[in-house]
């Protein structure tokens, strides 16, 4: 990185990175449907992990640029999707990579 380069800052002032873990039925359009609410809320996706399993897909999405209220709205909209089985939401203040699959 050049000396004069500045790291990207979240669009909102919170400095939080929100992590969503979404379990969905495995279908051809599941990932596209899950990403829709992030685009509508203008969230910046900073990390994505997709883990197929015996009962479907587990999708971990890290997003910045949204307030806690907007992150909760995204989680509610995800939960309302037909293919979604479960949604988890968390946040952290320091960036680091999404963990890799351990199993």
PDB file of N, CA and C in Angstrom:
ATOM      1  N   UNK A   1       0.855  -1.162   0.000  1.00  0.00           N
ATOM      2  CA  UNK A   1       0.000   0.000   0.000  1.00  0.00           C
ATOM      3  C   UNK A   1       0.908   1.234   0.000  1.00  0.00           C
ATOM      4  N   UNK A   2       0.639   2.222  -0.869  1.00  0.00           N
ATOM      5  CA  UNK A   2       1.457   3.431  -0.887  1.00  0.00           C
ATOM      6  C   UNK A   2       1.390   4.169   0.445  1.00  0.00           C
ATOM      7  N   UNK A   3       2.436   4.975   0.731  1.00  0.00           N
ATOM      8  CA  UNK A   3       2.501   5.703   1.994  1.00  0.00           C
ATOM      9  C   UNK A   3       1.346   6.674   2.184  1.00  0.00           C
ATOM     10  N   UNK A   4       0.846   7.263   1.093  1.00  0.00           N
ATOM     11  CA  UNK A   4      -0.219   8.258   1.209  1.00  0.00           C
ATOM     12  C   UNK A   4      -1.621   7.651   1.126  1.00  0.00           C
ATOM     13  N   UNK A   5      -1.712   6.326   0.999  1.00  0.00           N
ATOM     14  CA  UNK A   5      -3.019   5.656   0.905  1.00  0.00           C
ATOM     15  C   UNK A   5      -3.684   5.619   2.272  1.00  0.00           C
ATOM     16  N   UNK A   6      -4.989   5.818   2.272  1.00  0.00           N
ATOM     17  CA  UNK A   6      -5.755   5.773   3.517  1.00  0.00           C
ATOM     18  C   UNK A   6      -6.701   4.580   3.467  1.00  0.00           C
ATOM     19  N   UNK A   7      -6.882   3.871   4.582  1.00  0.00           N
ATOM     20  CA  UNK A   7      -7.808   2.741   4.586  1.00  0.00           C
ATOM     21  C   UNK A   7      -9.240   3.224   4.397  1.00  0.00           C
ATOM     22  N   UNK A   8     -10.070   2.355   3.822  1.00  0.00           N
ATOM     23  CA  UNK A   8     -11.481   2.681   3.655  1.00  0.00           C
ATOM     24  C   UNK A   8     -12.146   2.789   5.010  1.00  0.00           C
ATOM     25  N   UNK A   9     -13.029   3.733   5.167  1.00  0.00           N
ATOM     26  CA  UNK A   9     -13.788   3.891   6.394  1.00  0.00           C
ATOM     27  C   UNK A   9     -15.234   3.534   6.114  1.00  0.00           C
ATOM     28  N   UNK A  10     -15.949   2.982   7.091  1.00  0.00           N
ATOM     29  CA  UNK A  10     -17.357   2.689   6.888  1.00  0.00           C
ATOM     30  C   UNK A  10     -18.121   3.969   6.562  1.00  0.00           C
ATOM     31  N   UNK A  11     -19.190   3.842   5.758  1.00  0.00           N
ATOM     32  CA  UNK A  11     -19.986   4.997   5.363  1.00  0.00           C
ATOM     33  C   UNK A  11     -20.696   5.627   6.558  1.00  0.00           C
ATOM     34  N   UNK A  12     -21.058   4.830   7.553  1.00  0.00           N
ATOM     35  CA  UNK A  12     -21.699   5.394   8.738  1.00  0.00           C
ATOM     36  C   UNK A  12     -20.624   5.636   9.791  1.00  0.00           C
ATOM     37  N   UNK A  13     -20.965   6.412  10.794  1.00  0.00           N
ATOM     38  CA  UNK A  13     -19.987   6.777  11.797  1.00  0.00           C
ATOM     39  C   UNK A  13     -19.745   5.718  12.854  1.00  0.00           C
ATOM     40  N   UNK A  14     -20.444   4.596  12.811  1.00  0.00           N
ATOM     41  CA  UNK A  14     -20.352   3.625  13.896  1.00  0.00           C
ATOM     42  C   UNK A  14     -19.031   2.873  13.912  1.00  0.00           C
ATOM     43  N   UNK A  15     -18.406   2.660  12.763  1.00  0.00           N
ATOM     44  CA  UNK A  15     -17.178   1.898  12.696  1.00  0.00           C
ATOM     45  C   UNK A  15     -17.367   0.411  12.922  1.00  0.00           C
ATOM     46  N   UNK A  16     -18.598  -0.048  12.970  1.00  0.00           N
ATOM     47  CA  UNK A  16     -18.882  -1.467  13.208  1.00  0.00           C
ATOM     48  C   UNK A  16     -18.967  -2.239  11.899  1.00  0.00           C
ATOM     49  N   UNK A  17     -18.504  -3.463  11.970  1.00  0.00           N
ATOM     50  CA  UNK A  17     -18.698  -4.416  10.880  1.00  0.00           C
ATOM     51  C   UNK A  17     -19.736  -5.420  11.362  1.00  0.00           C
ATOM     52  N   UNK A  18     -20.790  -5.579  10.613  1.00  0.00           N
ATOM     53  CA  UNK A  18     -21.855  -6.502  10.986  1.00  0.00           C
ATOM     54  C   UNK A  18     -21.651  -7.822  10.249  1.00  0.00           C
ATOM     55  N   UNK A  19     -21.817  -8.919  10.972  1.00  0.00           N
ATOM     56  CA  UNK A  19     -21.694 -10.248  10.379  1.00  0.00           C
ATOM     57  C   UNK A  19     -23.034 -10.949  10.464  1.00  0.00           C
ATOM     58  N   UNK A  20     -23.495 -11.413   9.325  1.00  0.00           N
ATOM     59  CA  UNK A  20     -24.762 -12.128   9.206  1.00  0.00           C
ATOM     60  C   UNK A  20     -24.430 -13.580   8.855  1.00  0.00           C
ATOM     61  N   UNK A  21     -25.020 -14.512   9.552  1.00  0.00           N
ATOM     62  CA  UNK A  21     -24.882 -15.927   9.199  1.00  0.00           C
ATOM     63  C   UNK A  21     -26.279 -16.410   8.832  1.00  0.00           C
ATOM     64  N   UNK A  22     -26.414 -16.848   7.593  1.00  0.00           N
ATOM     65  CA  UNK A  22     -27.720 -17.204   7.051  1.00  0.00           C
ATOM     66  C   UNK A  22     -27.686 -18.660   6.594  1.00  0.00           C
ATOM     67  N   UNK A  23     -28.610 -19.456   7.102  1.00  0.00           N
ATOM     68  CA  UNK A  23     -28.740 -20.841   6.653  1.00  0.00           C
ATOM     69  C   UNK A  23     -29.921 -20.910   5.707  1.00  0.00           C
ATOM     70  N   UNK A  24     -29.666 -21.446   4.511  1.00  0.00           N
ATOM     71  CA  UNK A  24     -30.692 -21.476   3.465  1.00  0.00           C
ATOM     72  C   UNK A  24     -30.780 -22.853   2.832  1.00  0.00           C
ATOM     73  N   UNK A  25     -31.918 -23.105   2.176  1.00  0.00           N
ATOM     74  CA  UNK A  25     -32.055 -24.286   1.348  1.00  0.00           C
ATOM     75  C   UNK A  25     -31.112 -24.134   0.158  1.00  0.00           C
ATOM     76  N   UNK A  26     -30.535 -25.230  -0.279  1.00  0.00           N
ATOM     77  CA  UNK A  26     -29.621 -25.165  -1.410  1.00  0.00           C
ATOM     78  C   UNK A  26     -30.431 -25.123  -2.694  1.00  0.00           C
ATOM     79  N   UNK A  27     -30.428 -23.957  -3.330  1.00  0.00           N
ATOM     80  CA  UNK A  27     -31.117 -23.749  -4.599  1.00  0.00           C
ATOM     81  C   UNK A  27     -30.210 -22.896  -5.488  1.00  0.00           C
ATOM     82  N   UNK A  28     -30.482 -22.922  -6.775  1.00  0.00           N
ATOM     83  CA  UNK A  28     -29.633 -22.201  -7.719  1.00  0.00           C
ATOM     84  C   UNK A  28     -29.585 -20.697  -7.449  1.00  0.00           C
ATOM     85  N   UNK A  29     -30.669 -20.121  -6.930  1.00  0.00           N
ATOM     86  CA  UNK A  29     -30.728 -18.672  -6.741  1.00  0.00           C
ATOM     87  C   UNK A  29     -30.622 -18.224  -5.280  1.00  0.00           C
ATOM     88  N   UNK A  30     -30.270 -19.110  -4.374  1.00  0.00           N
ATOM     89  CA  UNK A  30     -30.226 -18.773  -2.946  1.00  0.00           C
ATOM     90  C   UNK A  30     -29.285 -17.623  -2.638  1.00  0.00           C
ATOM     91  N   UNK A  31     -28.074 -17.653  -3.170  1.00  0.00           N
ATOM     92  CA  UNK A  31     -27.098 -16.611  -2.868  1.00  0.00           C
ATOM     93  C   UNK A  31     -27.574 -15.250  -3.382  1.00  0.00           C
ATOM     94  N   UNK A  32     -28.091 -15.201  -4.591  1.00  0.00           N
ATOM     95  CA  UNK A  32     -28.568 -13.940  -5.163  1.00  0.00           C
ATOM     96  C   UNK A  32     -29.706 -13.370  -4.324  1.00  0.00           C
ATOM     97  N   UNK A  33     -30.616 -14.224  -3.890  1.00  0.00           N
ATOM     98  CA  UNK A  33     -31.743 -13.756  -3.071  1.00  0.00           C
ATOM     99  C   UNK A  33     -31.260 -13.208  -1.721  1.00  0.00           C
ATOM    100  N   UNK A  34     -30.277 -13.860  -1.128  1.00  0.00           N
ATOM    101  CA  UNK A  34     -29.751 -13.424   0.160  1.00  0.00           C
ATOM    102  C   UNK A  34     -29.021 -12.084   0.034  1.00  0.00           C
ATOM    103  N   UNK A  35     -28.382 -11.824  -1.075  1.00  0.00           N
ATOM    104  CA  UNK A  35     -27.642 -10.580  -1.245  1.00  0.00           C
ATOM    105  C   UNK A  35     -28.547  -9.376  -1.501  1.00  0.00           C
ATOM    106  N   UNK A  36     -29.785  -9.606  -1.938  1.00  0.00           N
ATOM    107  CA  UNK A  36     -30.706  -8.523  -2.269  1.00  0.00           C
ATOM    108  C   UNK A  36     -30.909  -7.483  -1.175  1.00  0.00           C
ATOM    109  N   UNK A  37     -31.235  -7.881   0.064  1.00  0.00           N
ATOM    110  CA  UNK A  37     -31.444  -6.881   1.118  1.00  0.00           C
ATOM    111  C   UNK A  37     -30.216  -6.007   1.414  1.00  0.00           C
ATOM    112  N   UNK A  38     -29.033  -6.520   1.169  1.00  0.00           N
ATOM    113  CA  UNK A  38     -27.815  -5.728   1.384  1.00  0.00           C
ATOM    114  C   UNK A  38     -27.733  -4.605   0.356  1.00  0.00           C
ATOM    115  N   UNK A  39     -28.087  -4.907  -0.898  1.00  0.00           N
ATOM    116  CA  UNK A  39     -28.072  -3.886  -1.946  1.00  0.00           C
ATOM    117  C   UNK A  39     -29.115  -2.813  -1.678  1.00  0.00           C
ATOM    118  N   UNK A  40     -30.300  -3.222  -1.254  1.00  0.00           N
ATOM    119  CA  UNK A  40     -31.375  -2.268  -0.980  1.00  0.00           C
ATOM    120  C   UNK A  40     -30.980  -1.297   0.136  1.00  0.00           C
ATOM    121  N   UNK A  41     -30.276  -1.787   1.154  1.00  0.00           N
ATOM    122  CA  UNK A  41     -29.869  -0.951   2.285  1.00  0.00           C
ATOM    123  C   UNK A  41     -28.502  -0.294   2.072  1.00  0.00           C
ATOM    124  N   UNK A  42     -27.939  -0.453   0.868  1.00  0.00           N
ATOM    125  CA  UNK A  42     -26.658   0.151   0.495  1.00  0.00           C
ATOM    126  C   UNK A  42     -25.519  -0.243   1.429  1.00  0.00           C
ATOM    127  N   UNK A  43     -25.523  -1.495   1.858  1.00  0.00           N
ATOM    128  CA  UNK A  43     -24.445  -2.024   2.693  1.00  0.00           C
ATOM    129  C   UNK A  43     -23.257  -2.377   1.808  1.00  0.00           C
ATOM    130  N   UNK A  44     -22.075  -2.184   2.328  1.00  0.00           N
ATOM    131  CA  UNK A  44     -20.851  -2.551   1.608  1.00  0.00           C
ATOM    132  C   UNK A  44     -20.422  -3.926   2.106  1.00  0.00           C
ATOM    133  N   UNK A  45     -20.506  -4.931   1.249  1.00  0.00           N
ATOM    134  CA  UNK A  45     -20.109  -6.283   1.637  1.00  0.00           C
ATOM    135  C   UNK A  45     -18.598  -6.358   1.612  1.00  0.00           C
ATOM    136  N   UNK A  46     -18.013  -6.688   2.774  1.00  0.00           N
ATOM    137  CA  UNK A  46     -16.555  -6.735   2.900  1.00  0.00           C
ATOM    138  C   UNK A  46     -16.022  -8.157   3.027  1.00  0.00           C
ATOM    139  N   UNK A  47     -16.915  -9.125   3.211  1.00  0.00           N
ATOM    140  CA  UNK A  47     -16.500 -10.521   3.304  1.00  0.00           C
ATOM    141  C   UNK A  47     -17.676 -11.442   3.032  1.00  0.00           C
ATOM    142  N   UNK A  48     -17.388 -12.579   2.431  1.00  0.00           N
ATOM    143  CA  UNK A  48     -18.430 -13.543   2.094  1.00  0.00           C
ATOM    144  C   UNK A  48     -17.843 -14.943   2.157  1.00  0.00           C
ATOM    145  N   UNK A  49     -18.540 -15.842   2.845  1.00  0.00           N
ATOM    146  CA  UNK A  49     -18.113 -17.248   2.897  1.00  0.00           C
ATOM    147  C   UNK A  49     -19.341 -18.102   2.696  1.00  0.00           C
ATOM    148  N   UNK A  50     -19.213 -19.107   1.862  1.00  0.00           N
ATOM    149  CA  UNK A  50     -20.313 -20.015   1.538  1.00  0.00           C
ATOM    150  C   UNK A  50     -19.858 -21.438   1.851  1.00  0.00           C
ATOM    151  N   UNK A  51     -20.586 -22.097   2.768  1.00  0.00           N
ATOM    152  CA  UNK A  51     -20.245 -23.461   3.157  1.00  0.00           C
ATOM    153  C   UNK A  51     -21.424 -24.381   2.882  1.00  0.00           C
ATOM    154  N   UNK A  52     -21.299 -25.281   1.886  1.00  0.00           N
ATOM    155  CA  UNK A  52     -22.372 -26.247   1.665  1.00  0.00           C
ATOM    156  C   UNK A  52     -22.363 -27.313   2.760  1.00  0.00           C
ATOM    157  N   UNK A  53     -23.530 -27.762   3.131  1.00  0.00           N
ATOM    158  CA  UNK A  53     -23.661 -28.797   4.143  1.00  0.00           C
ATOM    159  C   UNK A  53     -24.742 -29.780   3.749  1.00  0.00           C
ATOM    160  N   UNK A  54     -24.977 -30.793   4.570  1.00  0.00           N
ATOM    161  CA  UNK A  54     -25.967 -31.817   4.223  1.00  0.00           C
ATOM    162  C   UNK A  54     -27.401 -31.281   4.208  1.00  0.00           C
ATOM    163  N   UNK A  55     -27.666 -30.200   4.945  1.00  0.00           N
ATOM    164  CA  UNK A  55     -29.035 -29.679   5.029  1.00  0.00           C
ATOM    165  C   UNK A  55     -29.221 -28.383   4.246  1.00  0.00           C
ATOM    166  N   UNK A  56     -28.227 -27.949   3.501  1.00  0.00           N
ATOM    167  CA  UNK A  56     -28.339 -26.707   2.744  1.00  0.00           C
ATOM    168  C   UNK A  56     -27.037 -25.942   2.757  1.00  0.00           C
ATOM    169  N   UNK A  57     -27.140 -24.620   2.674  1.00  0.00           N
ATOM    170  CA  UNK A  57     -25.968 -23.762   2.638  1.00  0.00           C
ATOM    171  C   UNK A  57     -25.906 -22.876   3.875  1.00  0.00           C
ATOM    172  N   UNK A  58     -24.701 -22.622   4.341  1.00  0.00           N
ATOM    173  CA  UNK A  58     -24.477 -21.637   5.391  1.00  0.00           C
ATOM    174  C   UNK A  58     -23.692 -20.501   4.735  1.00  0.00           C
ATOM    175  N   UNK A  59     -24.255 -19.301   4.779  1.00  0.00           N
ATOM    176  CA  UNK A  59     -23.637 -18.139   4.141  1.00  0.00           C
ATOM    177  C   UNK A  59     -23.291 -17.132   5.227  1.00  0.00           C
ATOM    178  N   UNK A  60     -22.006 -16.789   5.340  1.00  0.00           N
ATOM    179  CA  UNK A  60     -21.557 -15.756   6.274  1.00  0.00           C
ATOM    180  C   UNK A  60     -21.227 -14.513   5.458  1.00  0.00           C
ATOM    181  N   UNK A  61     -21.860 -13.394   5.813  1.00  0.00           N
ATOM    182  CA  UNK A  61     -21.671 -12.144   5.083  1.00  0.00           C
ATOM    183  C   UNK A  61     -21.257 -11.068   6.077  1.00  0.00           C
ATOM    184  N   UNK A  62     -20.163 -10.404   5.784  1.00  0.00           N
ATOM    185  CA  UNK A  62     -19.709  -9.294   6.601  1.00  0.00           C
ATOM    186  C   UNK A  62     -19.987  -8.007   5.832  1.00  0.00           C
ATOM    187  N   UNK A  63     -20.592  -7.019   6.513  1.00  0.00           N
ATOM    188  CA  UNK A  63     -20.970  -5.775   5.841  1.00  0.00           C
ATOM    189  C   UNK A  63     -20.628  -4.571   6.704  1.00  0.00           C
ATOM    190  N   UNK A  64     -20.232  -3.501   6.053  1.00  0.00           N
ATOM    191  CA  UNK A  64     -19.985  -2.234   6.734  1.00  0.00           C
ATOM    192  C   UNK A  64     -20.887  -1.177   6.107  1.00  0.00           C
ATOM    193  N   UNK A  65     -20.890  -0.003   6.719  1.00  0.00           N
ATOM    194  CA  UNK A  65     -21.641   1.101   6.141  1.00  0.00           C
ATOM    195  C   UNK A  65     -23.105   1.134   6.518  1.00  0.00           C
ATOM    196  N   UNK A  66     -23.510   0.353   7.515  1.00  0.00           N
ATOM    197  CA  UNK A  66     -24.896   0.378   7.977  1.00  0.00           C
ATOM    198  C   UNK A  66     -24.925   0.576   9.490  1.00  0.00           C
ATOM    199  N   UNK A  67     -25.954   1.237   9.949  1.00  0.00           N
ATOM    200  CA  UNK A  67     -26.146   1.399  11.388  1.00  0.00           C
ATOM    201  C   UNK A  67     -26.681   0.093  11.964  1.00  0.00           C
ATOM    202  N   UNK A  68     -26.721   0.005  13.270  1.00  0.00           N
ATOM    203  CA  UNK A  68     -27.275  -1.189  13.921  1.00  0.00           C
ATOM    204  C   UNK A  68     -28.737  -1.396  13.544  1.00  0.00           C
ATOM    205  N   UNK A  69     -29.479  -0.292  13.439  1.00  0.00           N
ATOM    206  CA  UNK A  69     -30.890  -0.394  13.076  1.00  0.00           C
ATOM    207  C   UNK A  69     -31.063  -0.946  11.661  1.00  0.00           C
ATOM    208  N   UNK A  70     -30.242  -0.470  10.728  1.00  0.00           N
ATOM    209  CA  UNK A  70     -30.335  -0.973   9.360  1.00  0.00           C
ATOM    210  C   UNK A  70     -29.878  -2.418   9.277  1.00  0.00           C
ATOM    211  N   UNK A  71     -28.879  -2.804  10.080  1.00  0.00           N
ATOM    212  CA  UNK A  71     -28.435  -4.198  10.106  1.00  0.00           C
ATOM    213  C   UNK A  71     -29.562  -5.101  10.605  1.00  0.00           C
ATOM    214  N   UNK A  72     -30.282  -4.651  11.626  1.00  0.00           N
ATOM    215  CA  UNK A  72     -31.423  -5.433  12.120  1.00  0.00           C
ATOM    216  C   UNK A  72     -32.521  -5.529  11.070  1.00  0.00           C
ATOM    217  N   UNK A  73     -32.721  -4.460  10.303  1.00  0.00           N
ATOM    218  CA  UNK A  73     -33.700  -4.490   9.221  1.00  0.00           C
ATOM    219  C   UNK A  73     -33.290  -5.504   8.151  1.00  0.00           C
ATOM    220  N   UNK A  74     -32.012  -5.523   7.806  1.00  0.00           N
ATOM    221  CA  UNK A  74     -31.514  -6.516   6.837  1.00  0.00           C
ATOM    222  C   UNK A  74     -31.778  -7.920   7.364  1.00  0.00           C
ATOM    223  N   UNK A  75     -31.490  -8.159   8.649  1.00  0.00           N
ATOM    224  CA  UNK A  75     -31.711  -9.482   9.239  1.00  0.00           C
ATOM    225  C   UNK A  75     -33.185  -9.876   9.169  1.00  0.00           C
ATOM    226  N   UNK A  76     -34.082  -8.933   9.447  1.00  0.00           N
ATOM    227  CA  UNK A  76     -35.520  -9.233   9.368  1.00  0.00           C
ATOM    228  C   UNK A  76     -35.937  -9.549   7.943  1.00  0.00           C
ATOM    229  N   UNK A  77     -35.405  -8.803   6.989  1.00  0.00           N
ATOM    230  CA  UNK A  77     -35.745  -9.062   5.577  1.00  0.00           C
ATOM    231  C   UNK A  77     -35.181 -10.398   5.111  1.00  0.00           C
ATOM    232  N   UNK A  78     -33.999 -10.742   5.583  1.00  0.00           N
ATOM    233  CA  UNK A  78     -33.440 -12.060   5.259  1.00  0.00           C
ATOM    234  C   UNK A  78     -34.329 -13.164   5.824  1.00  0.00           C
ATOM    235  N   UNK A  79     -34.748 -12.995   7.070  1.00  0.00           N
ATOM    236  CA  UNK A  79     -35.576 -14.003   7.727  1.00  0.00           C
ATOM    237  C   UNK A  79     -36.919 -14.195   7.024  1.00  0.00           C
ATOM    238  N   UNK A  80     -37.385 -13.176   6.325  1.00  0.00           N
ATOM    239  CA  UNK A  80     -38.662 -13.250   5.622  1.00  0.00           C
ATOM    240  C   UNK A  80     -38.561 -13.979   4.278  1.00  0.00           C
ATOM    241  N   UNK A  81     -37.345 -14.233   3.792  1.00  0.00           N
ATOM    242  CA  UNK A  81     -37.189 -14.940   2.522  1.00  0.00           C
ATOM    243  C   UNK A  81     -37.588 -16.408   2.678  1.00  0.00           C
ATOM    244  N   UNK A  82     -38.260 -16.936   1.661  1.00  0.00           N
ATOM    245  CA  UNK A  82     -38.794 -18.303   1.729  1.00  0.00           C
ATOM    246  C   UNK A  82     -37.711 -19.361   1.919  1.00  0.00           C
ATOM    247  N   UNK A  83     -36.567 -19.203   1.288  1.00  0.00           N
ATOM    248  CA  UNK A  83     -35.516 -20.229   1.347  1.00  0.00           C
ATOM    249  C   UNK A  83     -34.696 -20.177   2.629  1.00  0.00           C
ATOM    250  N   UNK A  84     -34.848 -19.114   3.418  1.00  0.00           N
ATOM    251  CA  UNK A  84     -34.021 -18.924   4.618  1.00  0.00           C
ATOM    252  C   UNK A  84     -34.598 -19.717   5.786  1.00  0.00           C
ATOM    253  N   UNK A  85     -33.725 -20.482   6.437  1.00  0.00           N
ATOM    254  CA  UNK A  85     -34.117 -21.268   7.614  1.00  0.00           C
ATOM    255  C   UNK A  85     -33.813 -20.551   8.918  1.00  0.00           C
ATOM    256  N   UNK A  86     -32.672 -19.838   8.940  1.00  0.00           N
ATOM    257  CA  UNK A  86     -32.216 -19.220  10.184  1.00  0.00           C
ATOM    258  C   UNK A  86     -31.274 -18.061   9.845  1.00  0.00           C
ATOM    259  N   UNK A  87     -31.315 -16.995  10.675  1.00  0.00           N
ATOM    260  CA  UNK A  87     -30.441 -15.835  10.491  1.00  0.00           C
ATOM    261  C   UNK A  87     -29.798 -15.489  11.832  1.00  0.00           C
ATOM    262  N   UNK A  88     -28.506 -15.280  11.816  1.00  0.00           N
ATOM    263  CA  UNK A  88     -27.792 -14.802  12.988  1.00  0.00           C
ATOM    264  C   UNK A  88     -27.125 -13.481  12.660  1.00  0.00           C
ATOM    265  N   UNK A  89     -27.044 -12.579  13.626  1.00  0.00           N
ATOM    266  CA  UNK A  89     -26.453 -11.257  13.416  1.00  0.00           C
ATOM    267  C   UNK A  89     -25.535 -10.920  14.572  1.00  0.00           C
ATOM    268  N   UNK A  90     -24.345 -10.456  14.253  1.00  0.00           N
ATOM    269  CA  UNK A  90     -23.393  -9.992  15.251  1.00  0.00           C
ATOM    270  C   UNK A  90     -22.602  -8.826  14.696  1.00  0.00           C
ATOM    271  N   UNK A  91     -21.757  -8.222  15.518  1.00  0.00           N
ATOM    272  CA  UNK A  91     -20.935  -7.108  15.053  1.00  0.00           C
ATOM    273  C   UNK A  91     -19.606  -7.106  15.796  1.00  0.00           C
ATOM    274  N   UNK A  92     -18.660  -6.375  15.227  1.00  0.00           N
ATOM    275  CA  UNK A  92     -17.362  -6.168  15.850  1.00  0.00           C
ATOM    276  C   UNK A  92     -16.806  -4.841  15.364  1.00  0.00           C
ATOM    277  N   UNK A  93     -15.850  -4.317  16.072  1.00  0.00           N
ATOM    278  CA  UNK A  93     -15.320  -3.006  15.713  1.00  0.00           C
ATOM    279  C   UNK A  93     -13.998  -3.075  14.966  1.00  0.00           C
ATOM    280  N   UNK A  94     -13.271  -4.160  15.055  1.00  0.00           N
ATOM    281  CA  UNK A  94     -11.981  -4.278  14.387  1.00  0.00           C
ATOM    282  C   UNK A  94     -12.071  -5.244  13.215  1.00  0.00           C
ATOM    283  N   UNK A  95     -11.546  -4.829  12.041  1.00  0.00           N
ATOM    284  CA  UNK A  95     -11.613  -5.721  10.889  1.00  0.00           C
ATOM    285  C   UNK A  95     -10.626  -6.888  10.991  1.00  0.00           C
ATOM    286  N   UNK A  96     -11.097  -8.046  10.653  1.00  0.00           N
ATOM    287  CA  UNK A  96     -10.245  -9.213  10.457  1.00  0.00           C
ATOM    288  C   UNK A  96     -11.020 -10.158   9.543  1.00  0.00           C
ATOM    289  N   UNK A  97     -10.323 -11.091   8.960  1.00  0.00           N
ATOM    290  CA  UNK A  97     -10.932 -11.959   7.967  1.00  0.00           C
ATOM    291  C   UNK A  97     -11.962 -12.897   8.603  1.00  0.00           C
ATOM    292  N   UNK A  98     -12.995 -13.249   7.828  1.00  0.00           N
ATOM    293  CA  UNK A  98     -13.949 -14.254   8.294  1.00  0.00           C
ATOM    294  C   UNK A  98     -13.202 -15.556   8.534  1.00  0.00           C
ATOM    295  N   UNK A  99     -13.549 -16.295   9.586  1.00  0.00           N
ATOM    296  CA  UNK A  99     -12.846 -17.559   9.839  1.00  0.00           C
ATOM    297  C   UNK A  99     -13.110 -18.568   8.730  1.00  0.00           C
ATOM    298  N   UNK A 100     -12.114 -19.381   8.486  1.00  0.00           N
ATOM    299  CA  UNK A 100     -12.249 -20.431   7.474  1.00  0.00           C
ATOM    300  C   UNK A 100     -12.944 -21.626   8.097  1.00  0.00           C
ATOM    301  N   UNK A 101     -13.516 -22.460   7.235  1.00  0.00           N
ATOM    302  CA  UNK A 101     -14.194 -23.668   7.706  1.00  0.00           C
ATOM    303  C   UNK A 101     -13.185 -24.544   8.428  1.00  0.00           C
ATOM    304  N   UNK A 102     -13.578 -25.060   9.579  1.00  0.00           N
ATOM    305  CA  UNK A 102     -12.658 -25.870  10.367  1.00  0.00           C
ATOM    306  C   UNK A 102     -12.990 -27.350  10.304  1.00  0.00           C
ATOM    307  N   UNK A 103     -14.141 -27.705   9.783  1.00  0.00           N
ATOM    308  CA  UNK A 103     -14.558 -29.100   9.772  1.00  0.00           C
ATOM    309  C   UNK A 103     -14.335 -29.718   8.513  1.00  0.00           C
TER     310      UNK A 103
END
